[in-house]
Amino acid sequence: MSSSLLQVVLEEDFKSQLEQVARYMGISTSSFVRLVLTESVRKKKAELYSENGLILGDELEILQREKELFSDYKNGKIKPLKAKDFLKELNA
């Protein structure tokens, strides 16, 4: 993989903090910045939108909640509403 140069302008105090953290980790400041940027991109890729237009994490949360609701329904913890009762609940 080829590399290219990325220059960033930072406040001196912030640059010093970056250098301090990198030194503590035993790596160069460049390696530390590369590590942080790589992790940030990896996390963002995990949040790609699903085919439903949702962020993947949101869709997984909805699916989990749907599974819990179905389980509650099967176990008699919740009962279905008729459409007219549902509308009353929404407008209450």
C-alpha atoms as a PDB file:
ATOM      1  CA  MET A   1       0.000   0.000   0.000  1.00  0.00           C
ATOM      2  CA  SER A   2       1.396   3.367  -0.946  1.00  0.00           C
ATOM      3  CA  SER A   3       1.569   6.186   1.561  1.00  0.00           C
ATOM      4  CA  SER A   4       0.967   9.890   1.286  1.00  0.00           C
ATOM      5  CA  LEU A   5       1.706  12.821   3.524  1.00  0.00           C
ATOM      6  CA  LEU A   6      -1.016  14.425   5.632  1.00  0.00           C
ATOM      7  CA  GLN A   7      -0.195  17.695   7.342  1.00  0.00           C
ATOM      8  CA  VAL A   8      -2.297  18.983  10.212  1.00  0.00           C
ATOM      9  CA  VAL A   9      -2.062  22.323  11.977  1.00  0.00           C
ATOM     10  CA  LEU A  10      -2.461  21.957  15.749  1.00  0.00           C
ATOM     11  CA  GLU A  11      -2.238  24.256  18.697  1.00  0.00           C
ATOM     12  CA  GLU A  12       1.150  23.873  20.362  1.00  0.00           C
ATOM     13  CA  ASP A  13      -0.358  22.708  23.662  1.00  0.00           C
ATOM     14  CA  PHE A  14      -2.403  20.000  21.952  1.00  0.00           C
ATOM     15  CA  LYS A  15       0.621  18.831  19.949  1.00  0.00           C
ATOM     16  CA  SER A  16       2.590  18.555  23.205  1.00  0.00           C
ATOM     17  CA  GLN A  17      -0.194  16.429  24.710  1.00  0.00           C
ATOM     18  CA  LEU A  18      -0.165  14.128  21.664  1.00  0.00           C
ATOM     19  CA  GLU A  19       3.590  13.737  21.929  1.00  0.00           C
ATOM     20  CA  GLN A  20       3.327  12.980  25.644  1.00  0.00           C
ATOM     21  CA  VAL A  21       0.708  10.261  25.108  1.00  0.00           C
ATOM     22  CA  ALA A  22       2.717   8.739  22.260  1.00  0.00           C
ATOM     23  CA  ARG A  23       5.877   8.735  24.366  1.00  0.00           C
ATOM     24  CA  TYR A  24       3.971   7.043  27.212  1.00  0.00           C
ATOM     25  CA  MET A  25       2.832   4.353  24.766  1.00  0.00           C
ATOM     26  CA  GLY A  26       6.393   3.946  23.515  1.00  0.00           C
ATOM     27  CA  ILE A  27       5.624   4.943  19.918  1.00  0.00           C
ATOM     28  CA  SER A  28       6.267   7.955  17.743  1.00  0.00           C
ATOM     29  CA  THR A  29       3.741  10.754  17.487  1.00  0.00           C
ATOM     30  CA  SER A  30       3.211   9.863  13.810  1.00  0.00           C
ATOM     31  CA  SER A  31       2.480   6.243  14.735  1.00  0.00           C
ATOM     32  CA  PHE A  32       0.082   7.347  17.456  1.00  0.00           C
ATOM     33  CA  VAL A  33      -1.819   9.660  15.093  1.00  0.00           C
ATOM     34  CA  ARG A  34      -1.938   6.900  12.457  1.00  0.00           C
ATOM     35  CA  LEU A  35      -3.253   4.470  15.088  1.00  0.00           C
ATOM     36  CA  VAL A  36      -5.997   6.868  16.203  1.00  0.00           C
ATOM     37  CA  LEU A  37      -7.031   7.694  12.634  1.00  0.00           C
ATOM     38  CA  THR A  38      -7.097   4.017  11.642  1.00  0.00           C
ATOM     39  CA  GLU A  39      -9.304   3.154  14.616  1.00  0.00           C
ATOM     40  CA  SER A  40     -11.615   6.070  13.879  1.00  0.00           C
ATOM     41  CA  VAL A  41     -12.074   4.979  10.257  1.00  0.00           C
ATOM     42  CA  ARG A  42     -12.628   1.364  11.348  1.00  0.00           C
ATOM     43  CA  LYS A  43     -15.376   2.426  13.743  1.00  0.00           C
ATOM     44  CA  LYS A  44     -17.054   4.617  11.138  1.00  0.00           C
ATOM     45  CA  LYS A  45     -17.030   1.755   8.631  1.00  0.00           C
ATOM     46  CA  ALA A  46     -18.878  -0.339  11.224  1.00  0.00           C
ATOM     47  CA  GLU A  47     -21.591   2.323  11.250  1.00  0.00           C
ATOM     48  CA  LEU A  48     -22.344   2.086   7.535  1.00  0.00           C
ATOM     49  CA  TYR A  49     -25.947   2.491   6.623  1.00  0.00           C
ATOM     50  CA  SER A  50     -28.082  -0.617   6.173  1.00  0.00           C
ATOM     51  CA  GLU A  51     -30.347  -1.236   3.198  1.00  0.00           C
ATOM     52  CA  ASN A  52     -33.146   0.341   5.258  1.00  0.00           C
ATOM     53  CA  GLY A  53     -31.269   3.633   5.464  1.00  0.00           C
ATOM     54  CA  LEU A  54     -30.413   3.150   9.127  1.00  0.00           C
ATOM     55  CA  ILE A  55     -27.009   3.098  10.719  1.00  0.00           C
ATOM     56  CA  LEU A  56     -26.197  -0.557  11.295  1.00  0.00           C
ATOM     57  CA  GLY A  57     -26.023  -0.111  15.082  1.00  0.00           C
ATOM     58  CA  ASP A  58     -29.511   1.457  15.126  1.00  0.00           C
ATOM     59  CA  GLU A  59     -30.925  -1.353  13.015  1.00  0.00           C
ATOM     60  CA  LEU A  60     -29.444  -3.986  15.313  1.00  0.00           C
ATOM     61  CA  GLU A  61     -30.969  -2.197  18.299  1.00  0.00           C
ATOM     62  CA  ILE A  62     -34.407  -2.172  16.612  1.00  0.00           C
ATOM     63  CA  LEU A  63     -34.138  -5.866  15.769  1.00  0.00           C
ATOM     64  CA  GLN A  64     -33.176  -6.694  19.365  1.00  0.00           C
ATOM     65  CA  ARG A  65     -36.124  -4.685  20.694  1.00  0.00           C
ATOM     66  CA  GLU A  66     -38.447  -6.445  18.238  1.00  0.00           C
ATOM     67  CA  LYS A  67     -37.173  -9.799  19.491  1.00  0.00           C
ATOM     68  CA  GLU A  68     -37.799  -8.740  23.112  1.00  0.00           C
ATOM     69  CA  LEU A  69     -41.327  -7.530  22.303  1.00  0.00           C
ATOM     70  CA  PHE A  70     -42.169 -10.778  20.497  1.00  0.00           C
ATOM     71  CA  SER A  71     -40.899 -12.735  23.499  1.00  0.00           C
ATOM     72  CA  ASP A  72     -42.983 -10.588  25.869  1.00  0.00           C
ATOM     73  CA  TYR A  73     -46.038 -11.168  23.654  1.00  0.00           C
ATOM     74  CA  LYS A  74     -45.470 -14.940  23.606  1.00  0.00           C
ATOM     75  CA  ASN A  75     -45.094 -14.971  27.402  1.00  0.00           C
ATOM     76  CA  GLY A  76     -48.292 -12.978  27.900  1.00  0.00           C
ATOM     77  CA  LYS A  77     -46.530  -9.895  29.256  1.00  0.00           C
ATOM     78  CA  ILE A  78     -48.086  -7.660  26.591  1.00  0.00           C
ATOM     79  CA  LYS A  79     -51.278  -7.883  24.579  1.00  0.00           C
ATOM     80  CA  PRO A  80     -51.919  -6.586  21.067  1.00  0.00           C
ATOM     81  CA  LEU A  81     -54.031  -3.466  20.611  1.00  0.00           C
ATOM     82  CA  LYS A  82     -56.814  -3.044  18.088  1.00  0.00           C
ATOM     83  CA  ALA A  83     -56.170  -0.248  15.601  1.00  0.00           C
ATOM     84  CA  LYS A  84     -58.703   2.110  17.208  1.00  0.00           C
ATOM     85  CA  ASP A  85     -57.189   1.510  20.682  1.00  0.00           C
ATOM     86  CA  PHE A  86     -53.710   2.032  19.274  1.00  0.00           C
ATOM     87  CA  LEU A  87     -54.750   5.392  17.817  1.00  0.00           C
ATOM     88  CA  LYS A  88     -56.251   6.393  21.155  1.00  0.00           C
ATOM     89  CA  GLU A  89     -52.916   5.548  22.840  1.00  0.00           C
ATOM     90  CA  LEU A  90     -51.027   7.663  20.301  1.00  0.00           C
ATOM     91  CA  ASN A  91     -53.332  10.644  20.744  1.00  0.00           C
ATOM     92  CA  ALA A  92     -53.448  10.451  24.544  1.00  0.00           C
END
